[in-house]
Every structure is written in C-alpha cells, then in structure tokens.
C-alpha atoms as a PDB file:
ATOM      1  CA  MET A   1       7.063  29.112  63.964  1.00  0.00           C
ATOM      2  CA  LYS A   2       7.752  27.357  67.335  1.00  0.00           C
ATOM      3  CA  THR A   3       4.067  27.195  67.918  1.00  0.00           C
ATOM      4  CA  LEU A   4       3.476  25.467  64.589  1.00  0.00           C
ATOM      5  CA  ALA A   5       6.195  23.210  65.067  1.00  0.00           C
ATOM      6  CA  PHE A   6       4.918  22.215  68.462  1.00  0.00           C
ATOM      7  CA  LEU A   7       1.293  21.746  67.095  1.00  0.00           C
ATOM      8  CA  ALA A   8       2.706  19.612  64.196  1.00  0.00           C
ATOM      9  CA  ALA A   9       4.639  17.444  66.824  1.00  0.00           C
ATOM     10  CA  ILE A  10       1.460  16.860  68.732  1.00  0.00           C
ATOM     11  CA  SER A  11      -0.575  16.032  65.730  1.00  0.00           C
ATOM     12  CA  ALA A  12       2.014  13.413  64.651  1.00  0.00           C
ATOM     13  CA  ALA A  13       2.105  11.768  68.054  1.00  0.00           C
ATOM     14  CA  MET A  14      -1.723  11.604  68.291  1.00  0.00           C
ATOM     15  CA  ALA A  15      -1.651  10.053  64.728  1.00  0.00           C
ATOM     16  CA  THR A  16       0.336   7.280  65.987  1.00  0.00           C
ATOM     17  CA  LEU A  17      -1.857   6.145  68.671  1.00  0.00           C
ATOM     18  CA  PRO A  18      -4.494   4.147  66.626  1.00  0.00           C
ATOM     19  CA  ALA A  19      -1.590   2.464  65.045  1.00  0.00           C
ATOM     20  CA  HIS A  20      -0.268   1.210  68.416  1.00  0.00           C
ATOM     21  CA  ALA A  21      -3.666   0.186  69.446  1.00  0.00           C
ATOM     22  CA  GLU A  22      -3.891  -1.933  66.197  1.00  0.00           C
ATOM     23  CA  GLU A  23      -0.779  -3.706  67.178  1.00  0.00           C
ATOM     24  CA  ARG A  24      -2.624  -5.644  70.091  1.00  0.00           C
ATOM     25  CA  ARG A  25      -2.236  -8.890  68.282  1.00  0.00           C
ATOM     26  CA  ILE A  26      -0.638 -12.229  68.753  1.00  0.00           C
ATOM     27  CA  THR A  27       1.114 -14.131  66.057  1.00  0.00           C
ATOM     28  CA  VAL A  28       1.768 -18.011  66.101  1.00  0.00           C
ATOM     29  CA  SER A  29       2.894 -20.647  63.859  1.00  0.00           C
ATOM     30  CA  GLY A  30       1.935 -24.219  63.321  1.00  0.00           C
ATOM     31  CA  THR A  31       3.141 -27.386  61.605  1.00  0.00           C
ATOM     32  CA  GLY A  32       1.020 -30.264  60.322  1.00  0.00           C
ATOM     33  CA  VAL A  33       2.342 -33.461  58.693  1.00  0.00           C
ATOM     34  CA  ALA A  34       0.296 -36.093  56.669  1.00  0.00           C
ATOM     35  CA  LEU A  35       1.411 -39.596  55.657  1.00  0.00           C
ATOM     36  CA  THR A  36       0.394 -41.948  53.227  1.00  0.00           C
ATOM     37  CA  THR A  37       1.471 -44.893  50.982  1.00  0.00           C
ATOM     38  CA  PRO A  38       2.544 -43.885  47.533  1.00  0.00           C
ATOM     39  CA  ASP A  39       0.557 -44.829  44.533  1.00  0.00           C
ATOM     40  CA  MET A  40       2.896 -43.547  41.841  1.00  0.00           C
ATOM     41  CA  ALA A  41       6.674 -44.025  41.046  1.00  0.00           C
ATOM     42  CA  THR A  42       8.938 -41.880  38.921  1.00  0.00           C
ATOM     43  CA  LEU A  43      12.153 -43.535  37.499  1.00  0.00           C
ATOM     44  CA  THR A  44      14.805 -42.286  35.018  1.00  0.00           C
ATOM     45  CA  LEU A  45      16.322 -44.986  32.894  1.00  0.00           C
ATOM     46  CA  GLY A  46      18.464 -44.880  29.851  1.00  0.00           C
ATOM     47  CA  VAL A  47      20.760 -46.798  27.569  1.00  0.00           C
ATOM     48  CA  THR A  48      24.391 -45.826  26.949  1.00  0.00           C
ATOM     49  CA  ASN A  49      26.686 -47.294  24.196  1.00  0.00           C
ATOM     50  CA  GLN A  50      30.258 -46.738  23.055  1.00  0.00           C
ATOM     51  CA  GLU A  51      31.337 -47.548  19.635  1.00  0.00           C
ATOM     52  CA  GLU A  52      34.355 -46.499  17.258  1.00  0.00           C
ATOM     53  CA  GLU A  53      31.881 -44.646  14.977  1.00  0.00           C
ATOM     54  CA  ALA A  54      29.379 -42.135  16.037  1.00  0.00           C
ATOM     55  CA  ALA A  55      26.527 -43.414  13.856  1.00  0.00           C
ATOM     56  CA  ALA A  56      27.158 -46.923  15.367  1.00  0.00           C
ATOM     57  CA  ALA A  57      26.852 -45.707  18.946  1.00  0.00           C
ATOM     58  CA  MET A  58      23.693 -43.793  18.287  1.00  0.00           C
ATOM     59  CA  GLU A  59      22.221 -46.625  16.231  1.00  0.00           C
ATOM     60  CA  ALA A  60      22.797 -49.107  18.991  1.00  0.00           C
ATOM     61  CA  THR A  61      21.405 -46.973  21.611  1.00  0.00           C
ATOM     62  CA  SER A  62      18.286 -45.885  19.622  1.00  0.00           C
ATOM     63  CA  ALA A  63      17.474 -49.535  18.967  1.00  0.00           C
ATOM     64  CA  ALA A  64      17.555 -50.394  22.584  1.00  0.00           C
ATOM     65  CA  VAL A  65      15.628 -47.296  23.564  1.00  0.00           C
ATOM     66  CA  ALA A  66      12.989 -48.223  20.808  1.00  0.00           C
ATOM     67  CA  GLN A  67      12.725 -51.784  22.345  1.00  0.00           C
ATOM     68  CA  ILE A  68      12.292 -50.390  25.756  1.00  0.00           C
ATOM     69  CA  LEU A  69       9.569 -47.946  24.640  1.00  0.00           C
ATOM     70  CA  LYS A  70       7.807 -50.812  22.985  1.00  0.00           C
ATOM     71  CA  ARG A  71       8.032 -52.926  26.104  1.00  0.00           C
ATOM     72  CA  LEU A  72       6.628 -50.115  28.212  1.00  0.00           C
ATOM     73  CA  GLU A  73       3.646 -49.791  26.013  1.00  0.00           C
ATOM     74  CA  ASP A  74       3.034 -53.480  25.936  1.00  0.00           C
ATOM     75  CA  MET A  75       2.965 -53.455  29.623  1.00  0.00           C
ATOM     76  CA  GLY A  76       0.268 -50.698  29.734  1.00  0.00           C
ATOM     77  CA  LEU A  77       2.003 -47.506  30.168  1.00  0.00           C
ATOM     78  CA  GLU A  78       0.321 -44.521  28.556  1.00  0.00           C
ATOM     79  CA  ALA A  79       2.183 -42.072  26.309  1.00  0.00           C
ATOM     80  CA  ARG A  80       1.799 -39.305  28.711  1.00  0.00           C
ATOM     81  CA  ASP A  81       3.839 -41.169  31.393  1.00  0.00           C
ATOM     82  CA  ILE A  82       6.891 -41.696  29.156  1.00  0.00           C
ATOM     83  CA  GLN A  83       9.110 -38.676  28.130  1.00  0.00           C
ATOM     84  CA  THR A  84      12.748 -38.325  26.675  1.00  0.00           C
ATOM     85  CA  ARG A  85      14.723 -36.353  29.369  1.00  0.00           C
ATOM     86  CA  ASP A  86      18.304 -36.381  27.777  1.00  0.00           C
ATOM     87  CA  LEU A  87      19.844 -37.420  24.540  1.00  0.00           C
ATOM     88  CA  SER A  88      23.588 -37.088  23.935  1.00  0.00           C
ATOM     89  CA  LEU A  89      26.560 -37.962  21.633  1.00  0.00           C
ATOM     90  CA  SER A  90      30.105 -37.251  22.771  1.00  0.00           C
ATOM     91  CA  PRO A  91      33.562 -38.162  21.630  1.00  0.00           C
ATOM     92  CA  VAL A  92      35.888 -40.425  23.507  1.00  0.00           C
ATOM     93  CA  TRP A  93      39.359 -38.951  23.880  1.00  0.00           C
ATOM     94  CA  ALA A  94      42.732 -40.561  24.413  1.00  0.00           C
ATOM     95  CA  GLY A  95      46.042 -38.721  25.401  1.00  0.00           C
ATOM     96  CA  ARG A  96      44.199 -35.828  26.943  1.00  0.00           C
ATOM     97  CA  ASN A  97      45.794 -36.413  30.456  1.00  0.00           C
ATOM     98  CA  GLY A  98      49.091 -34.546  29.428  1.00  0.00           C
ATOM     99  CA  GLN A  99      51.378 -37.739  29.205  1.00  0.00           C
ATOM    100  CA  GLY A 100      53.343 -38.643  26.252  1.00  0.00           C
ATOM    101  CA  THR A 101      54.199 -36.614  23.014  1.00  0.00           C
ATOM    102  CA  GLU A 102      51.207 -37.644  20.940  1.00  0.00           C
ATOM    103  CA  PRO A 103      48.290 -35.054  20.596  1.00  0.00           C
ATOM    104  CA  PRO A 104      44.949 -36.014  21.849  1.00  0.00           C
ATOM    105  CA  ARG A 105      42.753 -38.134  19.439  1.00  0.00           C
ATOM    106  CA  ILE A 106      39.240 -39.366  19.225  1.00  0.00           C
ATOM    107  CA  THR A 107      39.023 -43.279  19.949  1.00  0.00           C
ATOM    108  CA  GLY A 108      35.347 -43.598  19.916  1.00  0.00           C
ATOM    109  CA  PHE A 109      31.899 -42.082  20.658  1.00  0.00           C
ATOM    110  CA  THR A 110      29.371 -42.580  23.390  1.00  0.00           C
ATOM    111  CA  ALA A 111      25.710 -42.140  22.699  1.00  0.00           C
ATOM    112  CA  SER A 112      23.216 -41.906  25.550  1.00  0.00           C
ATOM    113  CA  ASN A 113      19.495 -41.670  25.701  1.00  0.00           C
ATOM    114  CA  ARG A 114      17.637 -41.125  29.023  1.00  0.00           C
ATOM    115  CA  VAL A 115      13.877 -41.520  29.489  1.00  0.00           C
ATOM    116  CA  LEU A 116      11.506 -40.575  32.381  1.00  0.00           C
ATOM    117  CA  VAL A 117       8.901 -43.067  33.180  1.00  0.00           C
ATOM    118  CA  ARG A 118       5.880 -42.810  35.708  1.00  0.00           C
ATOM    119  CA  VAL A 119       4.411 -45.723  36.974  1.00  0.00           C
ATOM    120  CA  ARG A 120       0.972 -45.426  38.275  1.00  0.00           C
ATOM    121  CA  ASP A 121       0.425 -49.217  39.066  1.00  0.00           C
ATOM    122  CA  LEU A 122       3.140 -49.789  41.595  1.00  0.00           C
ATOM    123  CA  ASP A 123       2.203 -53.803  41.708  1.00  0.00           C
ATOM    124  CA  ASN A 124       3.938 -53.722  38.338  1.00  0.00           C
ATOM    125  CA  LEU A 125       7.131 -51.649  39.144  1.00  0.00           C
ATOM    126  CA  GLY A 126       9.403 -54.526  39.881  1.00  0.00           C
ATOM    127  CA  GLN A 127       8.543 -56.327  36.715  1.00  0.00           C
ATOM    128  CA  ILE A 128       8.777 -53.197  34.581  1.00  0.00           C
ATOM    129  CA  MET A 129      12.448 -52.493  36.036  1.00  0.00           C
ATOM    130  CA  ASP A 130      13.324 -56.097  35.283  1.00  0.00           C
ATOM    131  CA  ALA A 131      11.867 -56.039  31.761  1.00  0.00           C
ATOM    132  CA  VAL A 132      13.731 -52.845  30.746  1.00  0.00           C
ATOM    133  CA  ILE A 133      16.990 -54.048  32.155  1.00  0.00           C
ATOM    134  CA  SER A 134      16.421 -57.283  30.022  1.00  0.00           C
ATOM    135  CA  ASP A 135      15.847 -54.967  27.001  1.00  0.00           C
ATOM    136  CA  GLY A 136      19.058 -53.199  27.486  1.00  0.00           C
ATOM    137  CA  ALA A 137      18.566 -50.436  29.942  1.00  0.00           C
ATOM    138  CA  ASN A 138      22.102 -49.886  31.597  1.00  0.00           C
ATOM    139  CA  ASP A 139      21.610 -46.498  33.054  1.00  0.00           C
ATOM    140  CA  PHE A 140      19.202 -45.634  36.030  1.00  0.00           C
ATOM    141  CA  GLY A 141      19.164 -41.996  37.234  1.00  0.00           C
ATOM    142  CA  GLY A 142      16.944 -42.369  40.174  1.00  0.00           C
ATOM    143  CA  LEU A 143      13.590 -43.558  41.555  1.00  0.00           C
ATOM    144  CA  SER A 144      11.098 -41.616  43.620  1.00  0.00           C
ATOM    145  CA  PHE A 145       7.696 -42.231  44.993  1.00  0.00           C
ATOM    146  CA  SER A 146       4.789 -39.970  45.098  1.00  0.00           C
ATOM    147  CA  VAL A 147       1.017 -39.680  44.895  1.00  0.00           C
ATOM    148  CA  GLN A 148      -1.016 -39.004  41.877  1.00  0.00           C
ATOM    149  CA  ASP A 149      -3.434 -36.502  43.712  1.00  0.00           C
ATOM    150  CA  PRO A 150      -1.603 -34.673  46.485  1.00  0.00           C
ATOM    151  CA  LYS A 151      -4.605 -32.412  47.288  1.00  0.00           C
ATOM    152  CA  PRO A 152      -6.213 -34.425  49.963  1.00  0.00           C
ATOM    153  CA  LEU A 153      -2.821 -35.137  51.633  1.00  0.00           C
ATOM    154  CA  GLU A 154      -2.158 -31.389  51.628  1.00  0.00           C
ATOM    155  CA  ALA A 155      -5.570 -30.682  53.077  1.00  0.00           C
ATOM    156  CA  ASN A 156      -4.943 -32.988  55.841  1.00  0.00           C
ATOM    157  CA  ALA A 157      -1.624 -31.438  56.654  1.00  0.00           C
ATOM    158  CA  ARG A 158      -3.071 -28.056  56.558  1.00  0.00           C
ATOM    159  CA  ALA A 159      -5.821 -28.958  58.967  1.00  0.00           C
ATOM    160  CA  LYS A 160      -3.282 -30.319  61.340  1.00  0.00           C
ATOM    161  CA  ALA A 161      -1.285 -27.122  61.061  1.00  0.00           C
ATOM    162  CA  VAL A 162      -4.166 -24.778  61.715  1.00  0.00           C
ATOM    163  CA  ALA A 163      -5.087 -26.869  64.741  1.00  0.00           C
ATOM    164  CA  ASP A 164      -1.428 -26.769  66.010  1.00  0.00           C
ATOM    165  CA  ALA A 165      -1.396 -22.974  65.587  1.00  0.00           C
ATOM    166  CA  MET A 166      -4.833 -22.586  67.324  1.00  0.00           C
ATOM    167  CA  GLU A 167      -3.500 -24.708  70.258  1.00  0.00           C
ATOM    168  CA  LYS A 168      -0.433 -22.565  70.741  1.00  0.00           C
ATOM    169  CA  ALA A 169      -2.292 -19.224  70.503  1.00  0.00           C
ATOM    170  CA  GLU A 170      -4.703 -20.494  73.268  1.00  0.00           C
ATOM    171  CA  GLN A 171      -1.877 -21.530  75.504  1.00  0.00           C
ATOM    172  CA  LEU A 172      -0.286 -18.217  75.118  1.00  0.00           C
ATOM    173  CA  ALA A 173      -3.445 -16.393  75.676  1.00  0.00           C
ATOM    174  CA  GLN A 174      -4.053 -18.315  78.907  1.00  0.00           C
ATOM    175  CA  ALA A 175      -0.654 -17.911  80.147  1.00  0.00           C
ATOM    176  CA  ALA A 176      -0.631 -14.120  79.502  1.00  0.00           C
ATOM    177  CA  GLY A 177      -4.119 -13.488  80.928  1.00  0.00           C
ATOM    178  CA  ILE A 178      -5.648 -12.433  77.594  1.00  0.00           C
ATOM    179  CA  THR A 179      -8.542 -13.226  75.451  1.00  0.00           C
ATOM    180  CA  LEU A 180      -8.086 -14.159  71.827  1.00  0.00           C
ATOM    181  CA  GLY A 181     -10.099 -12.306  69.407  1.00  0.00           C
ATOM    182  CA  SER A 182     -10.821 -12.900  65.571  1.00  0.00           C
ATOM    183  CA  VAL A 183      -8.103 -14.327  63.258  1.00  0.00           C
ATOM    184  CA  MET A 184      -6.701 -11.269  61.476  1.00  0.00           C
ATOM    185  CA  SER A 185      -4.534 -13.059  58.808  1.00  0.00           C
ATOM    186  CA  ILE A 186      -3.310 -16.549  57.814  1.00  0.00           C
ATOM    187  CA  SER A 187      -0.892 -17.836  55.509  1.00  0.00           C
ATOM    188  CA  ASP A 188       0.475 -21.340  54.646  1.00  0.00           C
ATOM    189  CA  GLN A 189       3.334 -22.954  52.815  1.00  0.00           C
ATOM    190  CA  ALA A 190       3.443 -26.540  51.878  1.00  0.00           C
ATOM    191  CA  SER A 191       6.475 -28.547  51.323  1.00  0.00           C
ATOM    192  CA  GLY A 192       5.271 -31.056  48.492  1.00  0.00           C
ATOM    193  CA  VAL A 193       5.365 -34.784  48.526  1.00  0.00           C
ATOM    194  CA  ARG A 194       8.517 -36.165  50.188  1.00  0.00           C
ATOM    195  CA  PRO A 195       9.481 -39.566  51.038  1.00  0.00           C
ATOM    196  CA  VAL A 196       9.547 -40.347  54.815  1.00  0.00           C
ATOM    197  CA  ASN A 197      13.065 -40.823  56.219  1.00  0.00           C
ATOM    198  CA  GLN A 198      12.011 -43.739  58.478  1.00  0.00           C
ATOM    199  CA  MET A 199       9.913 -45.962  56.288  1.00  0.00           C
ATOM    200  CA  ARG A 200       7.174 -47.781  57.988  1.00  0.00           C
ATOM    201  CA  GLU A 201       5.822 -51.104  57.153  1.00  0.00           C
ATOM    202  CA  MET A 202       7.915 -51.425  54.055  1.00  0.00           C
ATOM    203  CA  ALA A 203       6.459 -53.780  51.639  1.00  0.00           C
ATOM    204  CA  MET A 204       8.033 -55.227  48.407  1.00  0.00           C
ATOM    205  CA  MET A 205       6.376 -54.003  45.480  1.00  0.00           C
ATOM    206  CA  ASP A 206       6.879 -57.144  43.471  1.00  0.00           C
ATOM    207  CA  SER A 207       8.716 -60.310  44.296  1.00  0.00           C
ATOM    208  CA  ALA A 208       8.938 -61.420  40.808  1.00  0.00           C
ATOM    209  CA  GLY A 209      11.000 -58.605  39.360  1.00  0.00           C
ATOM    210  CA  VAL A 210      13.483 -56.166  40.954  1.00  0.00           C
ATOM    211  CA  PRO A 211      12.652 -55.775  44.690  1.00  0.00           C
ATOM    212  CA  VAL A 212      11.478 -52.173  45.565  1.00  0.00           C
ATOM    213  CA  ALA A 213      10.156 -50.920  48.735  1.00  0.00           C
ATOM    214  CA  GLY A 214       7.654 -47.866  48.496  1.00  0.00           C
ATOM    215  CA  GLY A 215       7.433 -47.079  52.271  1.00  0.00           C
ATOM    216  CA  GLU A 216       5.537 -43.886  52.937  1.00  0.00           C
ATOM    217  CA  VAL A 217       5.436 -40.237  51.600  1.00  0.00           C
ATOM    218  CA  SER A 218       4.616 -37.162  53.449  1.00  0.00           C
ATOM    219  CA  VAL A 219       3.553 -33.716  53.179  1.00  0.00           C
ATOM    220  CA  SER A 220       4.313 -30.965  55.624  1.00  0.00           C
ATOM    221  CA  VAL A 221       2.393 -27.608  55.829  1.00  0.00           C
ATOM    222  CA  ASN A 222       3.460 -24.549  57.906  1.00  0.00           C
ATOM    223  CA  ILE A 223       0.972 -22.044  59.080  1.00  0.00           C
ATOM    224  CA  SER A 224       1.231 -18.521  60.338  1.00  0.00           C
ATOM    225  CA  MET A 225      -1.769 -17.028  62.130  1.00  0.00           C
ATOM    226  CA  GLU A 226      -2.262 -13.683  63.582  1.00  0.00           C
ATOM    227  CA  PHE A 227      -5.096 -13.138  66.137  1.00  0.00           C
ATOM    228  CA  GLU A 228      -6.585  -9.972  67.402  1.00  0.00           C
ATOM    229  CA  ILE A 229      -6.180  -9.446  71.412  1.00  0.00           C
ATOM    230  CA  ALA A 230      -9.876  -9.034  72.579  1.00  0.00           C
ATOM    231  CA  ASP A 231      -8.960  -7.381  75.883  1.00  0.00           C
END
C-alpha cells in the first residue's frame, strides 16, 4: 500500500510539470483613448402643468406637447428620433405636513409629459431648443452629446490600447532579459461614448438660439494581452 501511495504521489507531481511549463507567460494591460467632435445630441424635454381638475391639467399638457411635436416635425426631425419617455398625472395635496386639524385634501393635479429627442444636425440644436421653449416646454431633463456611428472611434481607441499593451510587454521583456513569443490571449472592454471633462475648442452650435457648446466626446478601451515567453 505504501508503495502504491508513493507511486501515485510521484505520478501526480510529474503531471504538474507541463502545467508549470505552460505558465511561462507575461500578461500586460493597455489603454487607448480616441477623441472626436460629436455629431448628435440627445435631450429630454417636457411640459408640466398644474390645474384644479385632472382633465384640465392633462389637456393643457397634451396641447403643448402636441405643438412641440409638430414643431419638431416641421424642423426636419424624423419620427424615429422622437420618443415619449414619461407621462404622469398626480394629485397636489394640502395639509399633509401634520400641521392643523383639517385632514389632507387634494387641491389640484399636476400633469407631466416628457419626450426624448435626438438631434442629428447640431447646427440646428440651439434653434430647436429655443423653439420648443417658445411652444411651452418648461421641463428639461438633460442634454448629452454623442456620435451616430461609434465604431470608427472604438476601433481607433482599440488600436491605441493594443499598441500601449505591446509597448509595455516589450519593455518588461527587455528589462527581464526574456524574449516575447506569440500572443496567447487578448480581451478588450470599451467604455462607450462619453463627454470629455475638459472640452477643447468649444464652439457655440447656434448663436441664433439657446447657446450650446458641444466640445468633444471620447471612447476609451482597456486591453488585456497575454504573451508566451519564448525562452
């Protein structure tokens, strides 16, 4: 039995040798960032009205939104770039702060309708915002810039990330006195299009309407590469 156990231990130890040999690898990471000027904006706008009656609040809100949608259509925006994001009707209460002896009561209703709009011609962005405000938009939920086709930007960032990882691998190999072999594995992760914190060369989109600065947007890609050690 002792002999069998000893032989089994020897076999197990020998079986691990190829695995250790395969671990002669070097792993590095690289980062690449690509910048460009945006060619599309996304804004969320809406109308909110408060009236004594629920129907009146919703009617006033709906009429204003209908006018805004018609205006956007007249200004050349396509149906695919306009989407209702939120529609709500809620009561307005009085006496709910715990003060007084009267029970809480409804004093009116608030109706709200929000619409997401994508603007693909940034030269008209300022005019569009000015127009919808004139038509009754009184609720803006945000404005962001992006690109319609992010693939070229991602490819640029990915190429920079690979170059960064390759440079690091070569530096490490030279410092360690080893020779890099083939690439054994590679993986990447992109961040998506984001605004640049420090916007460069900001230009107003349209001085005739609401002033808006597009700045730059960026995509960052992180790469992980594993190289075989040749010697």
